[in-house]
Amino acid sequence: MWVFGYGSLIWKVDFPYEEKRVGFITGFSRRFWQGSTDHRGVPGKVLDGDRGSMLSTSLQVLDGDRGSMLSTSLQVLDGDRGSMLSTSLQPGRVVTLVEDPEVSCHLCVGCVWGVAYKLPSGREQEVKRYLDHREKGGYRVIAVNFHPRPSVTPTRHTDTPHAPSQALLYIGSNDNPDYLGPAPLELIANQIVDAVGPSGRNTEYLFSLAEALRTLLPEDSDTHLFSLEDLVRERLTRTKCVSGNHRRDAVDCQSCDCLQDHSELGQG
């Protein structure tokens, strides 16, 4: 049994596997259209990030894996107005696949690169149950044709395992309850900057995926992904973290963690 990863399964491989292959599938495009309420955000109203006001929210979310309560404090600064608004919590934005009949892998249209993993023999169902739980936030399983990356040098080993012709993947279709759908890239970028959940900041998810594609899959010039990365980094550069009298660019301290990390600098 092979499972194809095109999002966090590329860079967060926390499950056993026997073998992995880099390759692509066709007929789809990757989009940040799936909401995340269990990993990179929490249930709540999607915030209009264009308002970008100071948000101060305390949230409690259940960590189902450990059964403990996690408490996180979010603060986002509006350097232009510096006003305080109360707001609802919001889901994060993570990737799903959308059907794309126009296929051109040379132009990265209708072609999604990723990594296929062969689950351990005799433990396939055990590992799949874990992945089902990990991807439970609106994702379902479908089978797709997988095309392995051609080898740069022909192998002389006749017993090399055959690449999979089919693989399973997890997809968040537009009828699942967490689906957010399309939106202007600027709004998606603002949501990603503001969202945080039990697995961490939404920005970490975006940056880790972008870096993994650059490192492992240079063939994939995913315009949607890399345009979002640029917008989010630009937004973080503009955003200021404040603690007392101390100010610091968010790009230097990864969003607003410096509110806590440097709080002592504002005390006197």
Protein backbone atom coordinates (compact mmCIF):
# COMPACT_ATOMS: atom_id res chain seq x y z
CA MET A 1 0.00 0.00 0.00
CA TRP A 2 1.36 3.38 -1.09
CA VAL A 3 0.23 6.79 0.17
CA PHE A 4 0.94 9.99 -1.78
CA GLY A 5 1.72 13.14 0.18
CA TYR A 6 1.46 16.62 -1.34
CA GLY A 7 1.25 18.77 1.81
CA SER A 8 2.49 18.17 5.34
CA LEU A 9 3.12 14.49 4.54
CA ILE A 10 6.10 15.72 2.48
CA TRP A 11 7.88 17.43 5.37
CA LYS A 12 6.32 15.99 8.54
CA VAL A 13 6.86 12.25 8.21
CA ASP A 14 5.92 10.96 11.67
CA PHE A 15 4.92 7.45 10.56
CA PRO A 16 6.91 4.34 9.56
CA TYR A 17 7.38 3.43 5.90
CA GLU A 18 9.45 0.95 3.90
CA GLU A 19 10.27 3.05 0.89
CA LYS A 20 9.52 6.45 -0.58
CA ARG A 21 9.45 7.75 -4.14
CA VAL A 22 9.33 11.29 -5.47
CA GLY A 23 6.88 11.81 -8.30
CA PHE A 24 3.69 13.49 -9.41
CA ILE A 25 0.01 13.01 -10.11
CA THR A 26 -2.00 14.70 -12.84
CA GLY A 27 -5.47 16.19 -13.11
CA PHE A 28 -5.16 18.27 -9.92
CA SER A 29 -3.70 21.50 -8.59
CA ARG A 30 -2.66 22.24 -4.99
CA ARG A 31 -4.53 25.05 -3.23
CA PHE A 32 -4.73 26.50 0.29
CA TRP A 33 -8.51 26.09 0.27
CA GLN A 34 -8.96 23.62 3.14
CA GLY A 35 -9.69 24.90 6.63
CA SER A 36 -7.74 23.48 9.57
CA THR A 37 -9.51 23.39 12.93
CA ASP A 38 -7.48 20.59 14.51
CA HIS A 39 -3.86 21.38 13.58
CA ARG A 40 -3.16 24.91 12.31
CA GLY A 41 -6.25 26.72 13.57
CA VAL A 42 -9.32 26.26 15.70
CA PRO A 43 -13.07 26.32 15.07
CA GLY A 44 -14.41 29.83 14.69
CA LYS A 45 -15.19 32.64 12.33
CA VAL A 46 -12.67 33.44 9.61
CA LEU A 47 -11.15 36.81 10.42
CA ASP A 48 -10.90 39.49 7.76
CA GLY A 49 -7.17 39.90 8.04
CA ASP A 50 -7.24 43.10 5.97
CA ARG A 51 -8.49 44.92 9.06
CA GLY A 52 -5.43 43.63 10.85
CA SER A 53 -6.31 45.22 14.20
CA MET A 54 -4.83 44.23 17.52
CA LEU A 55 -6.35 40.91 18.50
CA SER A 56 -5.97 39.53 21.96
CA THR A 57 -7.55 36.14 22.43
CA SER A 58 -7.10 33.30 24.84
CA LEU A 59 -8.01 29.91 23.43
CA GLN A 60 -8.27 26.43 24.82
CA VAL A 61 -8.14 23.49 22.45
CA LEU A 62 -8.18 19.81 23.20
CA ASP A 63 -5.17 17.76 22.24
CA GLY A 64 -6.94 14.49 21.40
CA ASP A 65 -3.70 12.54 21.13
CA ARG A 66 -2.69 13.21 24.73
CA GLY A 67 -6.08 14.09 26.14
CA SER A 68 -4.67 17.24 27.71
CA MET A 69 -5.80 20.83 27.40
CA LEU A 70 -3.57 23.23 25.58
CA SER A 71 -3.82 26.93 26.29
CA THR A 72 -2.46 29.44 23.82
CA SER A 73 -2.53 33.20 23.77
CA LEU A 74 -2.67 35.06 20.46
CA GLN A 75 -1.81 38.69 19.96
CA VAL A 76 -1.56 40.34 16.55
CA LEU A 77 -0.55 43.95 16.27
CA ASP A 78 -1.98 46.55 13.94
CA GLY A 79 0.91 48.96 13.70
CA ASP A 80 -1.25 51.50 11.86
CA ARG A 81 -4.00 51.86 14.45
CA GLY A 82 -2.87 49.90 17.49
CA SER A 83 -6.49 49.46 18.59
CA MET A 84 -7.94 46.50 20.44
CA LEU A 85 -10.75 44.44 18.97
CA SER A 86 -12.37 41.36 20.31
CA THR A 87 -12.82 38.64 17.71
CA SER A 88 -13.78 35.04 17.17
CA LEU A 89 -11.18 32.33 16.81
CA GLN A 90 -10.51 31.17 13.29
CA PRO A 91 -9.42 28.10 11.33
CA GLY A 92 -6.10 27.92 9.58
CA ARG A 93 -5.57 27.35 5.86
CA VAL A 94 -3.89 24.16 4.61
CA VAL A 95 -3.60 22.54 1.21
CA THR A 96 -6.01 20.29 -0.61
CA LEU A 97 -6.27 19.31 -4.26
CA VAL A 98 -8.76 20.68 -6.76
CA GLU A 99 -9.53 19.07 -10.08
CA ASP A 100 -7.65 20.66 -12.97
CA PRO A 101 -8.25 19.11 -16.40
CA GLU A 102 -5.54 21.23 -18.05
CA VAL A 103 -2.42 19.13 -17.67
CA SER A 104 1.04 20.54 -18.36
CA CYS A 105 3.72 19.34 -15.98
CA HIS A 106 6.24 21.57 -17.74
CA LEU A 107 4.17 24.58 -16.66
CA CYS A 108 3.08 22.92 -13.39
CA VAL A 109 -0.56 23.11 -14.44
CA GLY A 110 -2.77 20.18 -13.51
CA CYS A 111 0.30 18.43 -12.14
CA VAL A 112 1.16 18.08 -8.45
CA TRP A 113 4.54 16.84 -7.24
CA GLY A 114 4.92 15.04 -3.95
CA VAL A 115 6.25 11.93 -2.22
CA ALA A 116 4.73 8.44 -2.23
CA TYR A 117 5.40 6.21 0.78
CA LYS A 118 5.13 2.44 0.87
CA LEU A 119 3.58 1.50 4.20
CA PRO A 120 5.34 -1.29 6.15
CA SER A 121 4.39 -4.81 5.13
CA GLY A 122 2.12 -6.39 7.72
CA ARG A 123 1.41 -3.01 9.33
CA GLU A 124 -0.38 -1.28 6.47
CA GLN A 125 -3.75 -1.03 8.22
CA GLU A 126 -2.19 0.08 11.50
CA VAL A 127 -0.28 2.93 9.84
CA LYS A 128 -3.25 3.87 7.67
CA ARG A 129 -5.44 4.15 10.77
CA TYR A 130 -2.90 6.60 12.19
CA LEU A 131 -2.92 8.62 8.98
CA ASP A 132 -6.73 8.56 8.92
CA HIS A 133 -6.68 10.13 12.38
CA ARG A 134 -4.02 12.67 11.45
CA GLU A 135 -5.96 13.72 8.34
CA LYS A 136 -9.40 13.53 9.94
CA GLY A 137 -10.13 17.24 9.55
CA GLY A 138 -12.28 17.03 6.42
CA TYR A 139 -10.11 14.73 4.31
CA ARG A 140 -11.21 11.54 2.55
CA VAL A 141 -9.15 8.90 0.75
CA ILE A 142 -9.08 8.40 -3.02
CA ALA A 143 -6.84 6.34 -5.31
CA VAL A 144 -4.75 8.08 -7.98
CA ASN A 145 -2.21 7.14 -10.62
CA PHE A 146 1.29 7.98 -9.45
CA HIS A 147 4.12 8.85 -11.87
CA PRO A 148 7.60 8.45 -10.36
CA ARG A 149 10.35 10.91 -11.13
CA PRO A 150 12.52 9.44 -13.92
CA SER A 151 15.90 8.31 -12.70
CA VAL A 152 18.75 10.56 -13.80
CA THR A 153 21.01 7.54 -14.20
CA PRO A 154 19.71 4.16 -15.42
CA THR A 155 19.98 1.47 -12.77
CA ARG A 156 21.73 -1.80 -13.51
CA HIS A 157 19.86 -3.66 -10.79
CA THR A 158 17.09 -5.80 -12.22
CA ASP A 159 15.63 -6.44 -8.75
CA THR A 160 14.90 -2.75 -8.04
CA PRO A 161 11.36 -2.51 -6.64
CA HIS A 162 8.80 -1.27 -9.15
CA ALA A 163 7.43 2.20 -8.56
CA PRO A 164 3.76 2.25 -7.66
CA SER A 165 1.22 2.74 -10.41
CA GLN A 166 -1.46 3.66 -7.89
CA ALA A 167 -1.38 5.35 -4.52
CA LEU A 168 -3.86 6.57 -1.95
CA LEU A 169 -4.10 10.24 -1.08
CA TYR A 170 -6.07 12.40 1.33
CA ILE A 171 -8.17 15.14 -0.26
CA GLY A 172 -10.46 17.77 1.23
CA SER A 173 -13.28 18.06 -1.29
CA ASN A 174 -15.60 21.05 -1.43
CA ASP A 175 -18.40 19.25 0.44
CA ASN A 176 -16.51 18.70 3.70
CA PRO A 177 -17.40 20.90 6.69
CA ASP A 178 -13.92 22.45 7.00
CA TYR A 179 -13.63 23.47 3.34
CA LEU A 180 -13.05 27.22 2.97
CA GLY A 181 -12.69 27.42 -0.80
CA PRO A 182 -11.08 30.08 -2.97
CA ALA A 183 -10.36 33.61 -1.79
CA PRO A 184 -8.05 36.46 -2.84
CA LEU A 185 -4.44 35.53 -2.14
CA GLU A 186 -4.05 38.58 0.11
CA LEU A 187 -6.91 37.41 2.33
CA ILE A 188 -5.56 33.84 2.47
CA ALA A 189 -2.14 35.22 3.42
CA ASN A 190 -3.67 37.27 6.24
CA GLN A 191 -5.55 34.25 7.56
CA ILE A 192 -2.35 32.19 7.54
CA VAL A 193 -0.48 34.89 9.49
CA ASP A 194 -3.19 35.12 12.13
CA ALA A 195 -4.05 31.41 12.60
CA VAL A 196 -2.57 29.08 15.21
CA GLY A 197 -3.67 25.68 16.47
CA PRO A 198 -2.56 22.63 18.47
CA SER A 199 0.18 21.80 15.94
CA GLY A 200 1.56 25.34 15.87
CA ARG A 201 1.37 28.45 13.73
CA ASN A 202 -0.14 28.31 10.27
CA THR A 203 2.90 30.19 8.97
CA GLU A 204 5.13 27.25 9.98
CA TYR A 205 3.02 24.94 7.81
CA LEU A 206 3.31 27.26 4.80
CA PHE A 207 7.04 27.90 5.15
CA SER A 208 7.86 24.22 5.78
CA LEU A 209 5.94 23.13 2.69
CA ALA A 210 7.54 25.80 0.50
CA GLU A 211 11.04 24.90 1.70
CA ALA A 212 10.39 21.17 1.19
CA LEU A 213 9.32 21.78 -2.40
CA ARG A 214 12.39 23.88 -3.11
CA THR A 215 14.68 21.24 -1.60
CA LEU A 216 13.06 17.94 -2.62
CA LEU A 217 10.91 18.89 -5.60
CA PRO A 218 12.58 21.67 -7.60
CA GLU A 219 10.48 20.62 -10.58
CA ASP A 220 7.38 22.03 -8.88
CA SER A 221 7.18 25.80 -9.39
CA ASP A 222 3.82 26.01 -7.63
CA THR A 223 2.78 29.62 -8.30
CA HIS A 224 -0.07 29.54 -5.78
CA LEU A 225 2.17 28.27 -2.96
CA PHE A 226 5.17 30.49 -3.60
CA SER A 227 3.06 33.61 -4.19
CA LEU A 228 1.42 33.00 -0.80
CA GLU A 229 4.81 32.54 0.82
CA ASP A 230 5.94 35.92 -0.56
CA LEU A 231 2.77 37.64 0.64
CA VAL A 232 3.02 36.15 4.13
CA ARG A 233 6.68 37.09 4.51
CA GLU A 234 5.85 40.62 3.33
CA ARG A 235 3.01 40.83 5.86
CA LEU A 236 5.29 39.60 8.67
CA THR A 237 7.88 42.18 7.69
CA ARG A 238 5.27 44.95 8.02
CA THR A 239 3.86 43.60 11.26
CA LYS A 240 5.43 44.86 14.46
CA CYS A 241 5.62 42.92 17.69
CA VAL A 242 5.27 45.04 20.80
CA SER A 243 6.09 44.24 24.39
CA GLY A 244 6.07 47.24 26.68
CA ASN A 245 8.38 49.79 25.08
CA HIS A 246 10.17 47.18 22.99
CA ARG A 247 9.41 46.98 19.24
CA ARG A 248 10.81 44.48 16.81
CA ASP A 249 10.06 43.39 13.26
CA ALA A 250 7.95 40.23 13.24
CA VAL A 251 10.07 38.74 10.47
CA ASP A 252 12.97 38.64 12.94
CA CYS A 253 11.00 36.83 15.62
CA GLN A 254 8.60 34.67 13.56
CA SER A 255 5.30 36.53 13.92
CA CYS A 256 4.37 37.55 17.45
CA ASP A 257 6.25 35.10 19.64
CA CYS A 258 8.47 37.95 20.72
CA LEU A 259 5.53 39.25 22.73
CA GLN A 260 6.35 36.53 25.19
CA ASP A 261 10.04 35.90 24.46
CA HIS A 262 11.08 39.54 24.94
CA SER A 263 8.52 40.62 27.51
CA GLU A 264 11.22 41.24 30.07
CA LEU A 265 12.65 43.98 27.84
CA GLY A 266 9.53 46.07 28.39
CA GLN A 267 9.66 45.80 32.16
CA GLY A 268 11.53 48.25 34.22
